[in-house]
């Protein structure tokens, strides 16, 4: 019985000490957007034994503090609310790649949340690869508030689609050729 109690208390003490570390070191704070394992959301409350995280689906997840101290935690907002948005874009083979680059840079610099001063790297377009169905590019830009990342990415996607339509640049979709071989004929005799 005493051994069982000892192992049970060991876990409680571990979470308690981890809670003290979190409260004094402050690697995460209420309001921070963090990722712990498969859980992603905002820190709602840090307590001595566990931390409450509210996911984007508005579910509350209670994570033991020992996981936050001993495991890998991504804090999107620890020292700087700014962050990078990455938008992959594929265009049809035969598209003018320089024109694609210019359009993507223009779309990024015109968005009000994208940082366009010397405080962050300026928007950049990378030609990533020759894909199966498309020429694959990536638009990378820094935004003023990482909390708005998904909204900014959506806005940029809408603007890219509109700009590509305006300039006649096609966004392809995978196309497959299907060859059907003739099925063996079966003779059916009627009685």
N, C-alpha and C. Protein backbone atom coordinates (compact mmCIF):
# COMPACT_ATOMS: atom_id res chain seq x y z
N UNK A 1 0.83 -1.20 0.00
CA UNK A 1 0.00 0.00 0.00
C UNK A 1 0.87 1.26 0.00
N UNK A 2 1.89 1.26 0.84
CA UNK A 2 2.76 2.44 0.93
C UNK A 2 3.54 2.65 -0.36
N UNK A 3 3.92 1.54 -1.05
CA UNK A 3 4.61 1.68 -2.34
C UNK A 3 3.67 2.30 -3.37
N UNK A 4 2.42 1.85 -3.41
CA UNK A 4 1.43 2.40 -4.35
C UNK A 4 1.19 3.87 -4.08
N UNK A 5 1.06 4.23 -2.81
CA UNK A 5 0.86 5.64 -2.45
C UNK A 5 2.09 6.46 -2.85
N UNK A 6 3.28 5.87 -2.65
CA UNK A 6 4.52 6.56 -3.01
C UNK A 6 4.59 6.88 -4.50
N UNK A 7 4.22 5.89 -5.34
CA UNK A 7 4.23 6.14 -6.78
C UNK A 7 3.17 7.16 -7.18
N UNK A 8 2.01 7.12 -6.54
CA UNK A 8 0.96 8.10 -6.83
C UNK A 8 1.37 9.50 -6.44
N UNK A 9 2.00 9.64 -5.27
CA UNK A 9 2.46 10.95 -4.81
C UNK A 9 3.60 11.48 -5.67
N UNK A 10 4.41 10.57 -6.21
CA UNK A 10 5.52 10.99 -7.06
C UNK A 10 5.00 11.78 -8.26
N UNK A 11 3.91 11.33 -8.87
CA UNK A 11 3.32 12.02 -10.01
C UNK A 11 2.75 13.37 -9.58
N UNK A 12 2.09 13.39 -8.42
CA UNK A 12 1.52 14.65 -7.93
C UNK A 12 2.61 15.66 -7.61
N UNK A 13 3.67 15.21 -6.97
CA UNK A 13 4.80 16.09 -6.62
C UNK A 13 5.47 16.60 -7.90
N UNK A 14 5.62 15.72 -8.90
CA UNK A 14 6.24 16.12 -10.17
C UNK A 14 5.43 17.23 -10.82
N UNK A 15 4.10 17.09 -10.87
CA UNK A 15 3.25 18.12 -11.46
C UNK A 15 3.27 19.40 -10.62
N UNK A 16 3.33 19.27 -9.30
CA UNK A 16 3.38 20.44 -8.41
C UNK A 16 4.66 21.24 -8.65
N UNK A 17 5.80 20.54 -8.67
CA UNK A 17 7.08 21.23 -8.89
C UNK A 17 7.11 21.85 -10.29
N UNK A 18 6.58 21.12 -11.27
CA UNK A 18 6.51 21.67 -12.63
C UNK A 18 5.64 22.91 -12.68
N UNK A 19 4.54 22.91 -11.91
CA UNK A 19 3.67 24.09 -11.84
C UNK A 19 4.41 25.29 -11.27
N UNK A 20 5.23 25.07 -10.24
CA UNK A 20 6.03 26.16 -9.67
C UNK A 20 7.02 26.69 -10.70
N UNK A 21 7.64 25.78 -11.46
CA UNK A 21 8.58 26.21 -12.50
C UNK A 21 7.86 27.07 -13.54
N UNK A 22 6.67 26.63 -13.95
CA UNK A 22 5.92 27.41 -14.95
C UNK A 22 5.52 28.79 -14.42
N UNK A 23 5.14 28.85 -13.14
CA UNK A 23 4.72 30.13 -12.57
C UNK A 23 5.88 31.09 -12.38
N UNK A 24 7.08 30.58 -12.10
CA UNK A 24 8.22 31.47 -11.86
C UNK A 24 9.03 31.75 -13.13
N UNK A 25 9.25 30.75 -13.96
CA UNK A 25 10.01 30.94 -15.20
C UNK A 25 9.18 31.64 -16.27
N UNK A 26 7.90 31.33 -16.33
CA UNK A 26 6.93 31.90 -17.27
C UNK A 26 7.28 31.64 -18.74
N UNK A 27 7.58 30.37 -19.10
CA UNK A 27 7.77 30.08 -20.52
C UNK A 27 6.46 30.11 -21.30
N UNK A 28 5.35 30.00 -20.57
CA UNK A 28 4.03 30.20 -21.16
C UNK A 28 3.23 31.08 -20.21
N UNK A 29 2.34 31.88 -20.80
CA UNK A 29 1.50 32.77 -19.99
C UNK A 29 0.07 32.65 -20.48
N UNK A 30 -0.90 32.98 -19.64
CA UNK A 30 -2.29 32.98 -20.11
C UNK A 30 -2.44 33.88 -21.34
N UNK A 31 -3.14 33.37 -22.33
CA UNK A 31 -3.31 34.11 -23.58
C UNK A 31 -2.35 33.68 -24.68
N UNK A 32 -1.28 32.96 -24.35
CA UNK A 32 -0.32 32.50 -25.35
C UNK A 32 -0.93 31.40 -26.20
N UNK A 33 -0.55 31.38 -27.47
CA UNK A 33 -0.97 30.33 -28.39
C UNK A 33 0.14 29.28 -28.38
N UNK A 34 -0.18 28.08 -27.88
CA UNK A 34 0.84 27.04 -27.76
C UNK A 34 0.40 25.75 -28.44
N UNK A 35 1.40 24.91 -28.71
CA UNK A 35 1.17 23.58 -29.25
C UNK A 35 1.92 22.61 -28.35
N UNK A 36 1.17 21.65 -27.78
CA UNK A 36 1.73 20.62 -26.93
C UNK A 36 1.24 19.28 -27.48
N UNK A 37 2.15 18.50 -28.05
CA UNK A 37 1.73 17.23 -28.65
C UNK A 37 0.70 17.49 -29.74
N UNK A 38 -0.48 16.89 -29.61
CA UNK A 38 -1.55 17.08 -30.59
C UNK A 38 -2.52 18.18 -30.18
N UNK A 39 -2.25 18.87 -29.09
CA UNK A 39 -3.14 19.91 -28.58
C UNK A 39 -2.61 21.28 -28.99
N UNK A 40 -3.46 22.07 -29.62
CA UNK A 40 -3.10 23.42 -30.03
C UNK A 40 -4.20 24.37 -29.60
N UNK A 41 -3.83 25.46 -28.95
CA UNK A 41 -4.82 26.43 -28.52
C UNK A 41 -4.21 27.50 -27.65
N UNK A 42 -5.08 28.21 -26.94
CA UNK A 42 -4.66 29.31 -26.08
C UNK A 42 -4.62 28.87 -24.63
N UNK A 43 -3.58 29.30 -23.92
CA UNK A 43 -3.48 29.01 -22.49
C UNK A 43 -4.53 29.85 -21.79
N UNK A 44 -5.42 29.17 -21.09
CA UNK A 44 -6.50 29.85 -20.39
C UNK A 44 -6.11 30.11 -18.93
N UNK A 45 -5.55 29.07 -18.29
CA UNK A 45 -5.24 29.19 -16.87
C UNK A 45 -4.08 28.26 -16.53
N UNK A 46 -3.14 28.76 -15.73
CA UNK A 46 -2.04 27.93 -15.24
C UNK A 46 -2.26 27.74 -13.75
N UNK A 47 -2.39 26.48 -13.36
CA UNK A 47 -2.56 26.16 -11.95
C UNK A 47 -1.35 25.38 -11.47
N UNK A 48 -1.33 25.08 -10.19
CA UNK A 48 -0.19 24.38 -9.60
C UNK A 48 -0.01 22.98 -10.20
N UNK A 49 -1.09 22.25 -10.45
CA UNK A 49 -0.98 20.87 -10.92
C UNK A 49 -1.10 20.73 -12.43
N UNK A 50 -1.93 21.55 -13.06
CA UNK A 50 -2.19 21.40 -14.49
C UNK A 50 -2.48 22.76 -15.12
N UNK A 51 -2.39 22.79 -16.45
CA UNK A 51 -2.66 24.00 -17.22
C UNK A 51 -3.85 23.74 -18.13
N UNK A 52 -4.74 24.72 -18.19
CA UNK A 52 -5.94 24.61 -19.01
C UNK A 52 -5.69 25.31 -20.34
N UNK A 53 -5.89 24.56 -21.45
CA UNK A 53 -5.71 25.09 -22.79
C UNK A 53 -7.05 25.03 -23.51
N UNK A 54 -7.45 26.12 -24.12
CA UNK A 54 -8.68 26.14 -24.89
C UNK A 54 -8.31 26.01 -26.37
N UNK A 55 -8.80 24.95 -27.01
CA UNK A 55 -8.50 24.71 -28.41
C UNK A 55 -9.30 25.66 -29.29
N UNK A 56 -9.01 25.65 -30.59
CA UNK A 56 -9.73 26.51 -31.52
C UNK A 56 -11.17 26.06 -31.71
N UNK A 57 -11.46 24.83 -31.30
CA UNK A 57 -12.84 24.33 -31.34
C UNK A 57 -13.59 24.64 -30.05
N UNK A 58 -12.97 25.44 -29.19
CA UNK A 58 -13.53 25.87 -27.90
C UNK A 58 -13.63 24.73 -26.89
N UNK A 59 -12.83 23.70 -27.05
CA UNK A 59 -12.77 22.63 -26.06
C UNK A 59 -11.66 22.95 -25.08
N UNK A 60 -11.90 22.68 -23.81
CA UNK A 60 -10.88 22.90 -22.79
C UNK A 60 -10.13 21.60 -22.54
N UNK A 61 -8.80 21.67 -22.64
CA UNK A 61 -7.95 20.51 -22.42
C UNK A 61 -7.08 20.80 -21.21
N UNK A 62 -7.06 19.87 -20.27
CA UNK A 62 -6.23 20.02 -19.07
C UNK A 62 -4.96 19.21 -19.29
N UNK A 63 -3.81 19.89 -19.30
CA UNK A 63 -2.53 19.25 -19.54
C UNK A 63 -1.72 19.27 -18.25
N UNK A 64 -1.23 18.11 -17.79
CA UNK A 64 -0.39 18.10 -16.58
C UNK A 64 0.85 18.96 -16.79
N UNK A 65 1.21 19.72 -15.77
CA UNK A 65 2.34 20.64 -15.89
C UNK A 65 3.65 19.94 -16.19
N UNK A 66 3.79 18.68 -15.77
CA UNK A 66 5.05 17.97 -16.04
C UNK A 66 5.26 17.81 -17.55
N UNK A 67 4.17 17.68 -18.33
CA UNK A 67 4.30 17.58 -19.79
C UNK A 67 4.80 18.89 -20.39
N UNK A 68 4.40 20.02 -19.80
CA UNK A 68 4.81 21.33 -20.32
C UNK A 68 6.26 21.64 -19.98
N UNK A 69 6.77 21.06 -18.90
CA UNK A 69 8.14 21.33 -18.49
C UNK A 69 9.11 20.35 -19.15
N UNK A 70 8.73 19.07 -19.23
CA UNK A 70 9.67 18.07 -19.74
C UNK A 70 9.52 17.80 -21.23
N UNK A 71 8.37 18.13 -21.83
CA UNK A 71 8.14 17.86 -23.25
C UNK A 71 8.40 19.08 -24.11
N UNK A 72 8.27 18.89 -25.42
CA UNK A 72 8.46 20.00 -26.36
C UNK A 72 7.17 20.79 -26.47
N UNK A 73 7.30 22.10 -26.30
CA UNK A 73 6.16 23.01 -26.37
C UNK A 73 6.50 24.12 -27.36
N UNK A 74 5.61 24.38 -28.30
CA UNK A 74 5.78 25.50 -29.22
C UNK A 74 4.91 26.64 -28.72
N UNK A 75 5.54 27.77 -28.41
CA UNK A 75 4.82 28.96 -27.97
C UNK A 75 4.95 29.99 -29.08
N UNK A 76 3.86 30.21 -29.80
CA UNK A 76 3.88 31.12 -30.94
C UNK A 76 4.04 32.58 -30.52
N UNK A 77 3.82 32.89 -29.23
CA UNK A 77 3.77 34.29 -28.81
C UNK A 77 4.67 34.60 -27.62
N UNK A 78 5.70 33.81 -27.39
CA UNK A 78 6.49 33.96 -26.17
C UNK A 78 7.12 35.34 -26.03
N UNK A 79 7.96 35.75 -26.97
CA UNK A 79 8.64 37.04 -26.87
C UNK A 79 8.19 38.07 -27.89
N UNK A 80 7.54 37.60 -28.95
CA UNK A 80 7.21 38.49 -30.05
C UNK A 80 5.88 38.04 -30.68
N UNK A 81 4.92 38.93 -30.78
CA UNK A 81 3.64 38.54 -31.37
C UNK A 81 3.69 38.38 -32.89
N UNK A 82 4.81 38.80 -33.51
CA UNK A 82 4.94 38.67 -34.95
C UNK A 82 5.27 37.23 -35.32
N UNK A 83 4.96 36.86 -36.53
CA UNK A 83 5.28 35.51 -37.00
C UNK A 83 5.22 35.43 -38.51
N UNK A 84 5.58 34.27 -39.04
CA UNK A 84 5.65 34.10 -40.48
C UNK A 84 4.44 33.31 -40.99
N UNK A 85 3.94 33.74 -42.12
CA UNK A 85 2.89 33.02 -42.82
C UNK A 85 3.50 32.43 -44.09
N UNK A 86 3.19 31.16 -44.35
CA UNK A 86 3.71 30.48 -45.54
C UNK A 86 2.52 30.01 -46.37
N UNK A 87 2.49 30.43 -47.63
CA UNK A 87 1.38 30.09 -48.52
C UNK A 87 1.93 29.34 -49.73
N UNK A 88 1.66 28.02 -49.82
CA UNK A 88 2.09 27.29 -51.02
C UNK A 88 1.13 27.57 -52.18
N UNK A 89 1.70 27.73 -53.37
CA UNK A 89 0.90 28.05 -54.56
C UNK A 89 1.45 27.23 -55.73
N UNK A 90 0.55 26.58 -56.47
CA UNK A 90 0.95 25.86 -57.67
C UNK A 90 0.33 26.52 -58.89
N UNK A 91 1.14 26.68 -59.95
CA UNK A 91 0.63 27.24 -61.20
C UNK A 91 0.89 26.26 -62.33
N UNK A 92 0.15 26.43 -63.42
CA UNK A 92 0.25 25.50 -64.54
C UNK A 92 1.61 25.62 -65.22
N UNK A 93 2.07 24.50 -65.75
CA UNK A 93 3.28 24.51 -66.56
C UNK A 93 3.07 25.46 -67.73
N UNK A 94 4.10 26.21 -68.07
CA UNK A 94 4.01 27.18 -69.15
C UNK A 94 3.71 28.59 -68.65
N UNK A 95 3.42 28.74 -67.36
CA UNK A 95 3.16 30.07 -66.80
C UNK A 95 4.46 30.87 -66.75
N UNK A 96 4.34 32.17 -66.85
CA UNK A 96 5.49 33.08 -66.74
C UNK A 96 5.90 33.14 -65.26
N UNK A 97 6.99 32.49 -64.91
CA UNK A 97 7.38 32.38 -63.50
C UNK A 97 7.74 33.73 -62.89
N UNK A 98 8.35 34.62 -63.66
CA UNK A 98 8.68 35.94 -63.13
C UNK A 98 7.41 36.73 -62.83
N UNK A 99 6.41 36.58 -63.69
CA UNK A 99 5.13 37.25 -63.49
C UNK A 99 4.45 36.71 -62.23
N UNK A 100 4.52 35.38 -62.03
CA UNK A 100 3.95 34.76 -60.83
C UNK A 100 4.62 35.34 -59.59
N UNK A 101 5.94 35.42 -59.61
CA UNK A 101 6.69 35.97 -58.48
C UNK A 101 6.27 37.41 -58.20
N UNK A 102 6.19 38.22 -59.24
CA UNK A 102 5.82 39.63 -59.07
C UNK A 102 4.42 39.77 -58.48
N UNK A 103 3.48 38.96 -58.96
CA UNK A 103 2.11 39.02 -58.45
C UNK A 103 2.06 38.63 -56.98
N UNK A 104 2.76 37.57 -56.61
CA UNK A 104 2.75 37.12 -55.22
C UNK A 104 3.35 38.17 -54.29
N UNK A 105 4.45 38.78 -54.71
CA UNK A 105 5.07 39.85 -53.89
C UNK A 105 4.11 41.03 -53.75
N UNK A 106 3.46 41.40 -54.85
CA UNK A 106 2.53 42.54 -54.83
C UNK A 106 1.35 42.26 -53.89
N UNK A 107 0.79 41.05 -53.99
CA UNK A 107 -0.34 40.69 -53.12
C UNK A 107 0.07 40.77 -51.65
N UNK A 108 1.26 40.27 -51.34
CA UNK A 108 1.72 40.28 -49.94
C UNK A 108 1.94 41.70 -49.43
N UNK A 109 2.61 42.52 -50.22
CA UNK A 109 2.93 43.88 -49.75
C UNK A 109 1.69 44.76 -49.62
N UNK A 110 0.62 44.43 -50.34
CA UNK A 110 -0.60 45.23 -50.26
C UNK A 110 -1.49 44.86 -49.07
N UNK A 111 -1.21 43.72 -48.43
CA UNK A 111 -2.05 43.32 -47.29
C UNK A 111 -1.63 44.14 -46.06
N UNK A 112 -2.58 44.73 -45.33
CA UNK A 112 -2.23 45.60 -44.20
C UNK A 112 -1.55 44.89 -43.03
N UNK A 113 -1.74 43.59 -42.87
CA UNK A 113 -1.13 42.89 -41.74
C UNK A 113 0.27 42.40 -42.02
N UNK A 114 0.69 42.43 -43.28
CA UNK A 114 2.04 41.98 -43.63
C UNK A 114 3.03 43.10 -43.32
N UNK A 115 4.12 42.74 -42.66
CA UNK A 115 5.14 43.73 -42.28
C UNK A 115 5.98 44.06 -43.50
N UNK A 116 6.05 45.35 -43.83
CA UNK A 116 6.79 45.80 -45.01
C UNK A 116 7.89 46.80 -44.66
N UNK A 117 8.31 46.82 -43.41
CA UNK A 117 9.40 47.73 -43.05
C UNK A 117 10.64 46.89 -42.71
N UNK A 118 11.66 47.55 -42.24
CA UNK A 118 12.93 46.87 -41.97
C UNK A 118 12.92 46.06 -40.67
N UNK A 119 11.80 46.06 -39.94
CA UNK A 119 11.77 45.33 -38.66
C UNK A 119 11.64 43.82 -38.84
N UNK A 120 11.34 43.38 -40.07
CA UNK A 120 11.23 41.95 -40.38
C UNK A 120 11.65 41.75 -41.82
N UNK A 121 12.05 40.52 -42.16
CA UNK A 121 12.39 40.27 -43.57
C UNK A 121 11.21 40.58 -44.48
N UNK A 122 11.51 41.12 -45.66
CA UNK A 122 10.44 41.46 -46.59
C UNK A 122 9.86 40.20 -47.21
N UNK A 123 8.64 40.28 -47.75
CA UNK A 123 8.03 39.10 -48.36
C UNK A 123 8.94 38.48 -49.42
N UNK A 124 8.91 37.16 -49.47
CA UNK A 124 9.79 36.43 -50.37
C UNK A 124 9.01 35.34 -51.08
N UNK A 125 9.35 35.10 -52.34
CA UNK A 125 8.74 34.02 -53.12
C UNK A 125 9.83 33.03 -53.48
N UNK A 126 9.57 31.76 -53.20
CA UNK A 126 10.51 30.70 -53.54
C UNK A 126 9.87 29.80 -54.59
N UNK A 127 10.66 29.45 -55.61
CA UNK A 127 10.22 28.46 -56.60
C UNK A 127 10.69 27.13 -56.05
N UNK A 128 9.76 26.37 -55.46
CA UNK A 128 10.11 25.17 -54.69
C UNK A 128 10.46 23.97 -55.56
N UNK A 129 9.63 23.68 -56.58
CA UNK A 129 9.90 22.47 -57.37
C UNK A 129 9.01 22.40 -58.59
N UNK A 130 9.38 21.48 -59.47
CA UNK A 130 8.55 21.12 -60.61
C UNK A 130 7.69 19.96 -60.14
N UNK A 131 6.44 20.22 -59.83
CA UNK A 131 5.55 19.20 -59.29
C UNK A 131 4.96 18.32 -60.38
N UNK A 132 4.17 17.35 -59.96
CA UNK A 132 3.52 16.43 -60.91
C UNK A 132 2.60 17.18 -61.87
N UNK A 133 1.83 18.11 -61.34
CA UNK A 133 0.84 18.82 -62.16
C UNK A 133 1.07 20.32 -62.19
N UNK A 134 2.08 20.82 -61.46
CA UNK A 134 2.21 22.27 -61.34
C UNK A 134 3.65 22.68 -61.05
N UNK A 135 3.90 23.96 -61.28
CA UNK A 135 5.13 24.59 -60.82
C UNK A 135 4.82 25.08 -59.41
N UNK A 136 5.57 24.62 -58.42
CA UNK A 136 5.23 24.88 -57.02
C UNK A 136 6.04 26.03 -56.45
N UNK A 137 5.33 27.06 -56.01
CA UNK A 137 5.93 28.24 -55.39
C UNK A 137 5.53 28.29 -53.93
N UNK A 138 6.21 29.16 -53.19
CA UNK A 138 5.86 29.39 -51.79
C UNK A 138 6.04 30.87 -51.50
N UNK A 139 4.98 31.50 -51.01
CA UNK A 139 5.04 32.90 -50.58
C UNK A 139 5.28 32.89 -49.08
N UNK A 140 6.32 33.57 -48.65
CA UNK A 140 6.64 33.68 -47.22
C UNK A 140 6.66 35.15 -46.83
N UNK A 141 5.91 35.48 -45.78
CA UNK A 141 5.88 36.86 -45.32
C UNK A 141 5.64 36.89 -43.81
N UNK A 142 6.09 37.94 -43.18
CA UNK A 142 5.90 38.11 -41.75
C UNK A 142 4.71 39.02 -41.50
N UNK A 143 3.95 38.65 -40.46
CA UNK A 143 2.77 39.44 -40.12
C UNK A 143 2.93 40.00 -38.71
N UNK A 144 2.23 41.09 -38.45
CA UNK A 144 2.37 41.81 -37.19
C UNK A 144 1.84 41.07 -35.98
N UNK A 145 0.82 40.22 -36.18
CA UNK A 145 0.23 39.50 -35.06
C UNK A 145 -0.02 38.06 -35.48
N UNK A 146 0.77 37.15 -34.95
CA UNK A 146 0.66 35.74 -35.32
C UNK A 146 -0.72 35.18 -34.99
N UNK A 147 -1.41 35.81 -34.08
CA UNK A 147 -2.76 35.40 -33.72
C UNK A 147 -3.71 35.50 -34.91
N UNK A 148 -3.39 36.34 -35.89
CA UNK A 148 -4.22 36.53 -37.08
C UNK A 148 -3.72 35.71 -38.26
N UNK A 149 -2.80 34.77 -38.04
CA UNK A 149 -2.15 34.05 -39.13
C UNK A 149 -3.14 33.37 -40.07
N UNK A 150 -4.09 32.64 -39.53
CA UNK A 150 -5.03 31.91 -40.39
C UNK A 150 -5.90 32.86 -41.21
N UNK A 151 -6.31 33.96 -40.61
CA UNK A 151 -7.11 34.96 -41.33
C UNK A 151 -6.30 35.61 -42.44
N UNK A 152 -5.04 35.94 -42.14
CA UNK A 152 -4.18 36.57 -43.14
C UNK A 152 -3.91 35.60 -44.29
N UNK A 153 -3.64 34.34 -43.98
CA UNK A 153 -3.41 33.34 -45.03
C UNK A 153 -4.65 33.21 -45.92
N UNK A 154 -5.82 33.21 -45.31
CA UNK A 154 -7.06 33.14 -46.09
C UNK A 154 -7.21 34.38 -46.98
N UNK A 155 -6.96 35.56 -46.43
CA UNK A 155 -7.04 36.80 -47.22
C UNK A 155 -6.06 36.76 -48.40
N UNK A 156 -4.85 36.30 -48.13
CA UNK A 156 -3.85 36.24 -49.20
C UNK A 156 -4.25 35.23 -50.27
N UNK A 157 -4.82 34.10 -49.86
CA UNK A 157 -5.27 33.11 -50.84
C UNK A 157 -6.36 33.70 -51.75
N UNK A 158 -7.32 34.42 -51.17
CA UNK A 158 -8.36 35.07 -51.98
C UNK A 158 -7.73 36.07 -52.95
N UNK A 159 -6.79 36.88 -52.45
CA UNK A 159 -6.16 37.90 -53.28
C UNK A 159 -5.31 37.26 -54.39
N UNK A 160 -4.62 36.17 -54.09
CA UNK A 160 -3.81 35.48 -55.09
C UNK A 160 -4.71 34.92 -56.19
N UNK A 161 -5.81 34.29 -55.79
CA UNK A 161 -6.74 33.74 -56.78
C UNK A 161 -7.27 34.84 -57.70
N UNK A 162 -7.67 35.96 -57.13
CA UNK A 162 -8.20 37.07 -57.93
C UNK A 162 -7.12 37.63 -58.87
N UNK A 163 -5.90 37.80 -58.36
CA UNK A 163 -4.81 38.35 -59.19
C UNK A 163 -4.44 37.39 -60.31
N UNK A 164 -4.41 36.09 -60.02
CA UNK A 164 -4.10 35.12 -61.06
C UNK A 164 -5.17 35.10 -62.14
N UNK A 165 -6.43 35.18 -61.75
CA UNK A 165 -7.53 35.23 -62.74
C UNK A 165 -7.40 36.47 -63.62
N UNK A 166 -7.07 37.59 -62.98
CA UNK A 166 -6.93 38.85 -63.71
C UNK A 166 -5.81 38.79 -64.74
N UNK A 167 -4.72 38.09 -64.40
CA UNK A 167 -3.56 38.02 -65.29
C UNK A 167 -3.50 36.73 -66.12
N UNK A 168 -4.55 35.92 -66.06
CA UNK A 168 -4.62 34.72 -66.89
C UNK A 168 -3.67 33.60 -66.48
N UNK A 169 -3.31 33.57 -65.22
CA UNK A 169 -2.44 32.50 -64.71
C UNK A 169 -3.33 31.41 -64.13
N UNK A 170 -3.11 30.20 -64.60
CA UNK A 170 -3.97 29.07 -64.23
C UNK A 170 -3.40 28.32 -63.03
N UNK A 171 -4.29 28.01 -62.11
CA UNK A 171 -3.94 27.12 -60.99
C UNK A 171 -4.46 25.74 -61.38
N UNK A 172 -3.54 24.81 -61.64
CA UNK A 172 -3.96 23.51 -62.16
C UNK A 172 -4.51 22.59 -61.08
N UNK A 173 -5.12 21.53 -61.55
CA UNK A 173 -5.55 20.47 -60.66
C UNK A 173 -5.02 19.17 -61.23
N UNK A 174 -4.76 18.18 -60.40
CA UNK A 174 -4.22 16.93 -60.92
C UNK A 174 -5.16 16.30 -61.95
N UNK A 175 -4.58 15.88 -63.05
CA UNK A 175 -5.36 15.23 -64.10
C UNK A 175 -4.76 13.86 -64.36
N UNK A 176 -5.60 12.89 -64.50
CA UNK A 176 -5.16 11.52 -64.73
C UNK A 176 -5.82 10.99 -65.99
N UNK A 177 -5.06 10.26 -66.79
CA UNK A 177 -5.62 9.56 -67.95
C UNK A 177 -5.99 8.16 -67.50
N UNK A 178 -7.17 7.76 -67.87
CA UNK A 178 -7.66 6.43 -67.50
C UNK A 178 -7.84 5.62 -68.77
N UNK A 179 -7.14 4.52 -68.85
CA UNK A 179 -7.24 3.62 -70.01
C UNK A 179 -8.01 2.39 -69.56
N UNK A 180 -9.12 2.13 -70.23
CA UNK A 180 -9.95 0.99 -69.89
C UNK A 180 -9.73 -0.09 -70.93
N UNK A 181 -9.30 -1.23 -70.47
CA UNK A 181 -9.12 -2.36 -71.37
C UNK A 181 -10.47 -3.05 -71.52
N UNK A 182 -10.68 -3.61 -72.70
CA UNK A 182 -11.94 -4.30 -72.94
C UNK A 182 -12.08 -5.49 -72.00
N UNK A 183 -13.24 -5.64 -71.44
CA UNK A 183 -13.50 -6.77 -70.54
C UNK A 183 -13.69 -8.03 -71.39
N UNK A 184 -13.27 -9.18 -70.88
CA UNK A 184 -13.46 -10.41 -71.65
C UNK A 184 -14.96 -10.65 -71.86
N UNK A 185 -15.29 -11.03 -73.08
CA UNK A 185 -16.70 -11.24 -73.37
C UNK A 185 -17.15 -12.58 -72.83
N UNK A 186 -18.34 -12.62 -72.37
CA UNK A 186 -18.92 -13.87 -71.87
C UNK A 186 -20.14 -14.17 -72.71
N UNK A 187 -20.14 -15.34 -73.26
CA UNK A 187 -21.29 -15.74 -74.08
C UNK A 187 -22.37 -16.29 -73.18
N UNK A 188 -23.49 -15.71 -73.29
CA UNK A 188 -24.64 -16.23 -72.53
C UNK A 188 -25.62 -16.82 -73.51
N UNK A 189 -25.96 -18.01 -73.29
CA UNK A 189 -26.91 -18.69 -74.17
C UNK A 189 -28.28 -18.71 -73.53
N UNK A 190 -29.22 -18.40 -74.33
CA UNK A 190 -30.59 -18.45 -73.83
C UNK A 190 -31.16 -19.83 -74.11
N UNK A 191 -31.87 -20.37 -73.19
CA UNK A 191 -32.50 -21.69 -73.37
C UNK A 191 -33.83 -21.58 -74.05
